[in-house]
Each structure stands twice: as structure tokens, then as C-alpha cells.
C-alpha atoms as a PDB file:
ATOM      1  CA  MET A   1     105.311  99.807  94.107  1.00  0.00           C
ATOM      2  CA  ASP A   2     108.511 100.845  92.328  1.00  0.00           C
ATOM      3  CA  ASN A   3     107.886 101.573  88.636  1.00  0.00           C
ATOM      4  CA  SER A   4     111.492 102.499  87.946  1.00  0.00           C
ATOM      5  CA  SER A   5     113.089 100.822  84.951  1.00  0.00           C
ATOM      6  CA  GLY A   6     116.447 102.308  85.802  1.00  0.00           C
ATOM      7  CA  VAL A   7     116.244 104.669  82.808  1.00  0.00           C
ATOM      8  CA  GLY A   8     115.023 107.912  84.326  1.00  0.00           C
ATOM      9  CA  VAL A   9     114.027 109.779  81.167  1.00  0.00           C
ATOM     10  CA  LEU A  10     111.887 106.844  79.988  1.00  0.00           C
ATOM     11  CA  ASP A  11     110.275 106.504  83.387  1.00  0.00           C
ATOM     12  CA  LYS A  12     109.393 110.219  83.355  1.00  0.00           C
ATOM     13  CA  ALA A  13     108.082 110.041  79.778  1.00  0.00           C
ATOM     14  CA  ALA A  14     105.910 107.096  80.830  1.00  0.00           C
ATOM     15  CA  LEU A  15     104.580 109.228  83.715  1.00  0.00           C
ATOM     16  CA  VAL A  16     103.542 111.930  81.229  1.00  0.00           C
ATOM     17  CA  LEU A  17     101.816 109.426  78.932  1.00  0.00           C
ATOM     18  CA  SER A  18     100.071 107.768  81.881  1.00  0.00           C
ATOM     19  CA  ALA A  19      98.835 111.153  83.112  1.00  0.00           C
ATOM     20  CA  LEU A  20      97.386 111.888  79.656  1.00  0.00           C
ATOM     21  CA  GLU A  21      95.523 108.582  79.680  1.00  0.00           C
ATOM     22  CA  ALA A  22      93.001 110.293  81.981  1.00  0.00           C
ATOM     23  CA  GLY A  23      92.349 112.969  79.355  1.00  0.00           C
ATOM     24  CA  PRO A  24      93.625 116.385  78.238  1.00  0.00           C
ATOM     25  CA  ALA A  25      95.984 118.198  80.597  1.00  0.00           C
ATOM     26  CA  THR A  26      97.530 121.627  80.814  1.00  0.00           C
ATOM     27  CA  LEU A  27     101.178 121.916  81.741  1.00  0.00           C
ATOM     28  CA  ALA A  28     100.100 122.694  85.317  1.00  0.00           C
ATOM     29  CA  GLY A  29      97.928 119.551  85.257  1.00  0.00           C
ATOM     30  CA  LEU A  30     100.867 117.448  84.084  1.00  0.00           C
ATOM     31  CA  VAL A  31     103.053 118.862  86.838  1.00  0.00           C
ATOM     32  CA  SER A  32     100.359 118.135  89.425  1.00  0.00           C
ATOM     33  CA  SER A  33      99.578 114.590  88.264  1.00  0.00           C
ATOM     34  CA  THR A  34     103.158 113.458  87.614  1.00  0.00           C
ATOM     35  CA  GLY A  35     105.038 115.233  90.386  1.00  0.00           C
ATOM     36  CA  LEU A  36     107.645 116.308  87.829  1.00  0.00           C
ATOM     37  CA  ALA A  37     109.222 119.741  87.932  1.00  0.00           C
ATOM     38  CA  ARG A  38     107.548 122.191  85.551  1.00  0.00           C
ATOM     39  CA  PRO A  39     110.569 122.506  83.195  1.00  0.00           C
ATOM     40  CA  THR A  40     110.951 118.716  83.077  1.00  0.00           C
ATOM     41  CA  ALA A  41     107.262 118.094  82.388  1.00  0.00           C
ATOM     42  CA  HIS A  42     107.296 120.743  79.642  1.00  0.00           C
ATOM     43  CA  ARG A  43     110.489 119.445  78.027  1.00  0.00           C
ATOM     44  CA  LEU A  44     109.192 115.864  77.992  1.00  0.00           C
ATOM     45  CA  ALA A  45     105.699 116.770  76.745  1.00  0.00           C
ATOM     46  CA  VAL A  46     107.147 118.865  73.902  1.00  0.00           C
ATOM     47  CA  ALA A  47     109.657 116.130  72.981  1.00  0.00           C
ATOM     48  CA  LEU A  48     106.854 113.534  72.979  1.00  0.00           C
ATOM     49  CA  GLU A  49     104.821 115.939  70.841  1.00  0.00           C
ATOM     50  CA  HIS A  50     107.703 116.110  68.348  1.00  0.00           C
ATOM     51  CA  HIS A  51     107.463 112.318  67.984  1.00  0.00           C
ATOM     52  CA  ARG A  52     103.625 112.498  67.770  1.00  0.00           C
ATOM     53  CA  LEU A  53     103.208 110.469  70.972  1.00  0.00           C
ATOM     54  CA  VAL A  54     101.589 113.595  72.437  1.00  0.00           C
ATOM     55  CA  ALA A  55      99.503 116.230  70.631  1.00  0.00           C
ATOM     56  CA  ARG A  56      97.556 119.364  71.591  1.00  0.00           C
ATOM     57  CA  ASP A  57      93.807 119.865  71.550  1.00  0.00           C
ATOM     58  CA  MET A  58      91.971 123.021  70.443  1.00  0.00           C
ATOM     59  CA  GLN A  59      92.551 124.593  73.877  1.00  0.00           C
ATOM     60  CA  GLY A  60      96.289 123.913  73.716  1.00  0.00           C
ATOM     61  CA  ARG A  61      96.129 121.141  76.311  1.00  0.00           C
ATOM     62  CA  PHE A  62      98.328 118.073  75.953  1.00  0.00           C
ATOM     63  CA  VAL A  63      96.591 114.859  74.793  1.00  0.00           C
ATOM     64  CA  LEU A  64      97.725 111.427  73.694  1.00  0.00           C
ATOM     65  CA  GLY A  65      99.024 111.639  70.142  1.00  0.00           C
ATOM     66  CA  PRO A  66      98.184 109.830  66.907  1.00  0.00           C
ATOM     67  CA  ARG A  67     101.423 107.845  66.847  1.00  0.00           C
ATOM     68  CA  LEU A  68     100.118 105.695  69.715  1.00  0.00           C
ATOM     69  CA  SER A  69      97.234 104.465  67.539  1.00  0.00           C
ATOM     70  CA  GLU A  70      99.619 103.776  64.692  1.00  0.00           C
ATOM     71  CA  LEU A  71     101.885 101.752  66.956  1.00  0.00           C
ATOM     72  CA  SER A  72      98.916  99.887  68.372  1.00  0.00           C
ATOM     73  CA  ALA A  73      97.724  98.934  64.897  1.00  0.00           C
ATOM     74  CA  ALA A  74     101.231  97.806  63.961  1.00  0.00           C
ATOM     75  CA  ALA A  75     101.388  95.607  67.065  1.00  0.00           C
ATOM     76  CA  GLY A  76      98.704  93.377  65.623  1.00  0.00           C
ATOM     77  CA  GLU A  77      95.026  92.824  65.540  1.00  0.00           C
ATOM     78  CA  ASP A  78      93.024  93.773  68.592  1.00  0.00           C
ATOM     79  CA  ARG A  79      91.335  90.462  69.377  1.00  0.00           C
ATOM     80  CA  LEU A  80      88.612  92.104  71.467  1.00  0.00           C
ATOM     81  CA  LEU A  81      87.602  94.396  68.605  1.00  0.00           C
ATOM     82  CA  ALA A  82      87.781  91.555  66.082  1.00  0.00           C
ATOM     83  CA  ALA A  83      85.446  89.460  68.235  1.00  0.00           C
ATOM     84  CA  ALA A  84      83.176  92.400  69.116  1.00  0.00           C
ATOM     85  CA  GLY A  85      81.816  93.083  65.622  1.00  0.00           C
ATOM     86  CA  PRO A  86      79.782  89.897  65.181  1.00  0.00           C
ATOM     87  CA  VAL A  87      78.715  89.868  68.854  1.00  0.00           C
ATOM     88  CA  LEU A  88      77.482  93.474  68.730  1.00  0.00           C
ATOM     89  CA  ALA A  89      75.621  92.782  65.475  1.00  0.00           C
ATOM     90  CA  ARG A  90      73.946  89.707  66.970  1.00  0.00           C
ATOM     91  CA  LEU A  91      73.013  91.612  70.140  1.00  0.00           C
ATOM     92  CA  ARG A  92      71.551  94.409  68.016  1.00  0.00           C
ATOM     93  CA  ASP A  93      69.569  91.884  65.937  1.00  0.00           C
ATOM     94  CA  ILE A  94      68.190  90.114  69.021  1.00  0.00           C
ATOM     95  CA  THR A  95      67.247  93.263  70.942  1.00  0.00           C
ATOM     96  CA  GLY A  96      66.397  95.627  68.103  1.00  0.00           C
ATOM     97  CA  GLU A  97      68.590  98.225  69.836  1.00  0.00           C
ATOM     98  CA  SER A  98      71.980  99.642  68.961  1.00  0.00           C
ATOM     99  CA  ALA A  99      74.938  98.114  70.810  1.00  0.00           C
ATOM    100  CA  GLN A 100      78.294  99.606  71.774  1.00  0.00           C
ATOM    101  CA  LEU A 101      81.525  98.396  73.327  1.00  0.00           C
ATOM    102  CA  PHE A 102      83.412 100.711  75.665  1.00  0.00           C
ATOM    103  CA  ARG A 103      86.896 100.555  77.138  1.00  0.00           C
ATOM    104  CA  ARG A 104      87.948 102.446  80.215  1.00  0.00           C
ATOM    105  CA  GLN A 105      90.630 105.032  79.626  1.00  0.00           C
ATOM    106  CA  GLY A 106      91.592 106.697  82.879  1.00  0.00           C
ATOM    107  CA  GLU A 107      88.505 108.380  84.291  1.00  0.00           C
ATOM    108  CA  TYR A 108      86.593 108.095  81.019  1.00  0.00           C
ATOM    109  CA  ARG A 109      85.011 105.403  78.887  1.00  0.00           C
ATOM    110  CA  VAL A 110      85.677 105.399  75.176  1.00  0.00           C
ATOM    111  CA  CYS A 111      83.392 103.791  72.596  1.00  0.00           C
ATOM    112  CA  VAL A 112      85.604 101.407  70.603  1.00  0.00           C
ATOM    113  CA  ALA A 113      82.957  99.544  68.552  1.00  0.00           C
ATOM    114  CA  ALA A 114      79.273  99.948  67.696  1.00  0.00           C
ATOM    115  CA  ALA A 115      76.447  98.267  65.787  1.00  0.00           C
ATOM    116  CA  GLU A 116      73.729 100.694  64.674  1.00  0.00           C
ATOM    117  CA  ARG A 117      70.187  99.496  64.156  1.00  0.00           C
ATOM    118  CA  PRO A 118      69.105  99.813  60.536  1.00  0.00           C
ATOM    119  CA  THR A 119      65.796 101.616  61.164  1.00  0.00           C
ATOM    120  CA  GLY A 120      64.175 103.776  63.803  1.00  0.00           C
ATOM    121  CA  LEU A 121      65.839 106.151  66.216  1.00  0.00           C
ATOM    122  CA  ARG A 122      69.591 106.356  65.668  1.00  0.00           C
ATOM    123  CA  ASP A 123      71.051 106.508  69.151  1.00  0.00           C
ATOM    124  CA  THR A 124      74.444 104.898  68.801  1.00  0.00           C
ATOM    125  CA  VAL A 125      77.342 106.581  70.515  1.00  0.00           C
ATOM    126  CA  PRO A 126      79.891 107.200  67.733  1.00  0.00           C
ATOM    127  CA  VAL A 127      83.103 105.159  67.881  1.00  0.00           C
ATOM    128  CA  GLY A 128      85.785 107.305  69.510  1.00  0.00           C
ATOM    129  CA  SER A 129      83.343 109.165  71.775  1.00  0.00           C
ATOM    130  CA  GLN A 130      84.731 109.825  75.234  1.00  0.00           C
ATOM    131  CA  LEU A 131      82.176 109.878  78.056  1.00  0.00           C
ATOM    132  CA  THR A 132      82.529 110.139  81.809  1.00  0.00           C
ATOM    133  CA  MET A 133      82.123 107.235  84.196  1.00  0.00           C
ATOM    134  CA  ARG A 134      79.274 109.010  86.055  1.00  0.00           C
ATOM    135  CA  ALA A 135      76.272 107.642  84.117  1.00  0.00           C
ATOM    136  CA  GLY A 136      75.221 104.924  81.720  1.00  0.00           C
ATOM    137  CA  SER A 137      75.210 101.149  81.611  1.00  0.00           C
ATOM    138  CA  ALA A 138      78.766 100.960  80.238  1.00  0.00           C
ATOM    139  CA  ALA A 139      80.048 103.007  83.178  1.00  0.00           C
ATOM    140  CA  GLN A 140      78.227 100.675  85.562  1.00  0.00           C
ATOM    141  CA  ILE A 141      79.730  97.577  83.934  1.00  0.00           C
ATOM    142  CA  LEU A 142      83.247  99.020  83.897  1.00  0.00           C
ATOM    143  CA  LEU A 143      83.044 100.142  87.539  1.00  0.00           C
ATOM    144  CA  ALA A 144      81.254  97.066  88.914  1.00  0.00           C
ATOM    145  CA  TRP A 145      84.385  94.897  88.814  1.00  0.00           C
ATOM    146  CA  GLU A 146      86.926  97.564  89.806  1.00  0.00           C
ATOM    147  CA  ASP A 147      88.948  97.275  92.983  1.00  0.00           C
ATOM    148  CA  PRO A 148      87.038  98.802  95.936  1.00  0.00           C
ATOM    149  CA  GLU A 149      89.091 102.020  96.123  1.00  0.00           C
ATOM    150  CA  ARG A 150      88.691 102.831  92.429  1.00  0.00           C
ATOM    151  CA  MET A 151      84.997 101.871  92.567  1.00  0.00           C
ATOM    152  CA  ASN A 152      84.374 104.224  95.502  1.00  0.00           C
ATOM    153  CA  ARG A 153      86.122 107.077  93.675  1.00  0.00           C
ATOM    154  CA  GLY A 154      84.005 106.315  90.607  1.00  0.00           C
ATOM    155  CA  LEU A 155      80.797 106.465  92.636  1.00  0.00           C
ATOM    156  CA  GLN A 156      81.430 110.097  93.619  1.00  0.00           C
ATOM    157  CA  ASN A 157      78.901 112.201  91.660  1.00  0.00           C
ATOM    158  CA  ALA A 158      77.630 109.107  89.819  1.00  0.00           C
ATOM    159  CA  ALA A 159      73.991 108.674  88.808  1.00  0.00           C
ATOM    160  CA  PHE A 160      74.070 105.134  90.276  1.00  0.00           C
ATOM    161  CA  THR A 161      74.932 103.650  93.673  1.00  0.00           C
ATOM    162  CA  ALA A 162      77.117 100.917  95.125  1.00  0.00           C
ATOM    163  CA  ALA A 163      73.957  98.824  95.512  1.00  0.00           C
ATOM    164  CA  ALA A 164      73.290  99.185  91.785  1.00  0.00           C
ATOM    165  CA  LEU A 165      76.834  98.011  91.019  1.00  0.00           C
ATOM    166  CA  SER A 166      76.316  95.032  93.317  1.00  0.00           C
ATOM    167  CA  GLN A 167      73.222  94.104  91.283  1.00  0.00           C
ATOM    168  CA  VAL A 168      75.240  94.504  88.059  1.00  0.00           C
ATOM    169  CA  ARG A 169      77.843  92.041  89.364  1.00  0.00           C
ATOM    170  CA  ARG A 170      75.144  89.575  90.408  1.00  0.00           C
ATOM    171  CA  ARG A 171      73.184  89.783  87.119  1.00  0.00           C
ATOM    172  CA  GLY A 172      76.100  90.259  84.756  1.00  0.00           C
ATOM    173  CA  TRP A 173      74.473  93.171  82.910  1.00  0.00           C
ATOM    174  CA  ALA A 174      73.428  96.776  83.528  1.00  0.00           C
ATOM    175  CA  GLN A 175      70.451  98.918  82.679  1.00  0.00           C
ATOM    176  CA  SER A 176      70.581 102.694  82.669  1.00  0.00           C
ATOM    177  CA  VAL A 177      67.083 103.984  81.989  1.00  0.00           C
ATOM    178  CA  GLY A 178      67.101 107.764  82.278  1.00  0.00           C
ATOM    179  CA  GLU A 179      70.864 107.919  82.864  1.00  0.00           C
ATOM    180  CA  ARG A 180      71.941 109.300  79.499  1.00  0.00           C
ATOM    181  CA  GLU A 181      74.786 111.751  79.496  1.00  0.00           C
ATOM    182  CA  PRO A 182      74.419 114.992  77.560  1.00  0.00           C
ATOM    183  CA  GLY A 183      75.641 114.608  73.972  1.00  0.00           C
END
């Protein structure tokens, strides 16, 4: 599929941002994932950093920058997050367990909303936490309805199987007893 807009520098900048969606990347990682020449990838990443669309983590790797969140907020209310609050609270009240909502971001899942139970063991994943897609009920749910190629890639080194994902699709929910990720 041709993703060219006809404006080369924007297309290349979009490649850099898309590569960072999967998580932090070194310059070599950006070159590898985008196919851009090293000087071009560096020039674009630094220019995007100047505009706060890209930032650096503690190891100096490139990451998505804070300006993206600001632009997202300015674009309007996130209807999923607005609807999630009351649903997560109701689910927590019915089950007596904490409840979280995750979104897939590249090869990770990010907690975007949570409802903590008021008493007992506090086991909520903090909002903003980035976890792999290798374990957990949220990973199962997010992978269960992926296209077959992406699902098969996601199953590599996963704590669950294709059969488990088939059951998730049939039931409409996932259980991950003993599948907690470290942290």
C-alpha cells in the first residue's frame, strides 16, 4: 500500500512517529524500522524533538513527545475514556476487583483508565503503565481480534496460546490467573 502523501518530508516524519509508537528507539533502531538513511532519520527526529513531538528517555532513546498528548486533548474529548469511567466503576463494584482499560500501542498495551477498589489488596495497574502483549487478560483481549498475521506474531513468547485466544473470542472475556507480568 502506498502511504505517500506527495510531501516527502511529512511522509518521512510520519514514518519516524509511527516507528516510535512501538516504544523507545535508538537512532539505529529508527534507521532499521523506517528504512531512512541515518542522517535523515537523525535530522527528522531532532527536528521533531524541537517541536516536542519527539522526546528522549533517560537512556537517550527517542520516544513520542508530550506535544502529541496536548494535541490529542485539544482535538476533543476521548469518547472511549469518557464512557470508560462509569463502566469501570460499575465493573469494580460488581466484582469487588479493580478494573483497567488498556489500549494497544505498537507492541505494547498502555493502561488508559482504572478503577481501584476501595479496600483490600491494591493491585491496579497505574494509568500510563506500558506492559508487553505477552501476558495478562488485556493482552489476550487485544490480540484475540487482531488479523491472523499480527496475532501469530503476538503469540511468540506469550504466556497464552492460540486456543486460549479462540476461547476469548467465543466467550467475549479473558482470564489470566497466574499470568501477571513483573511490576
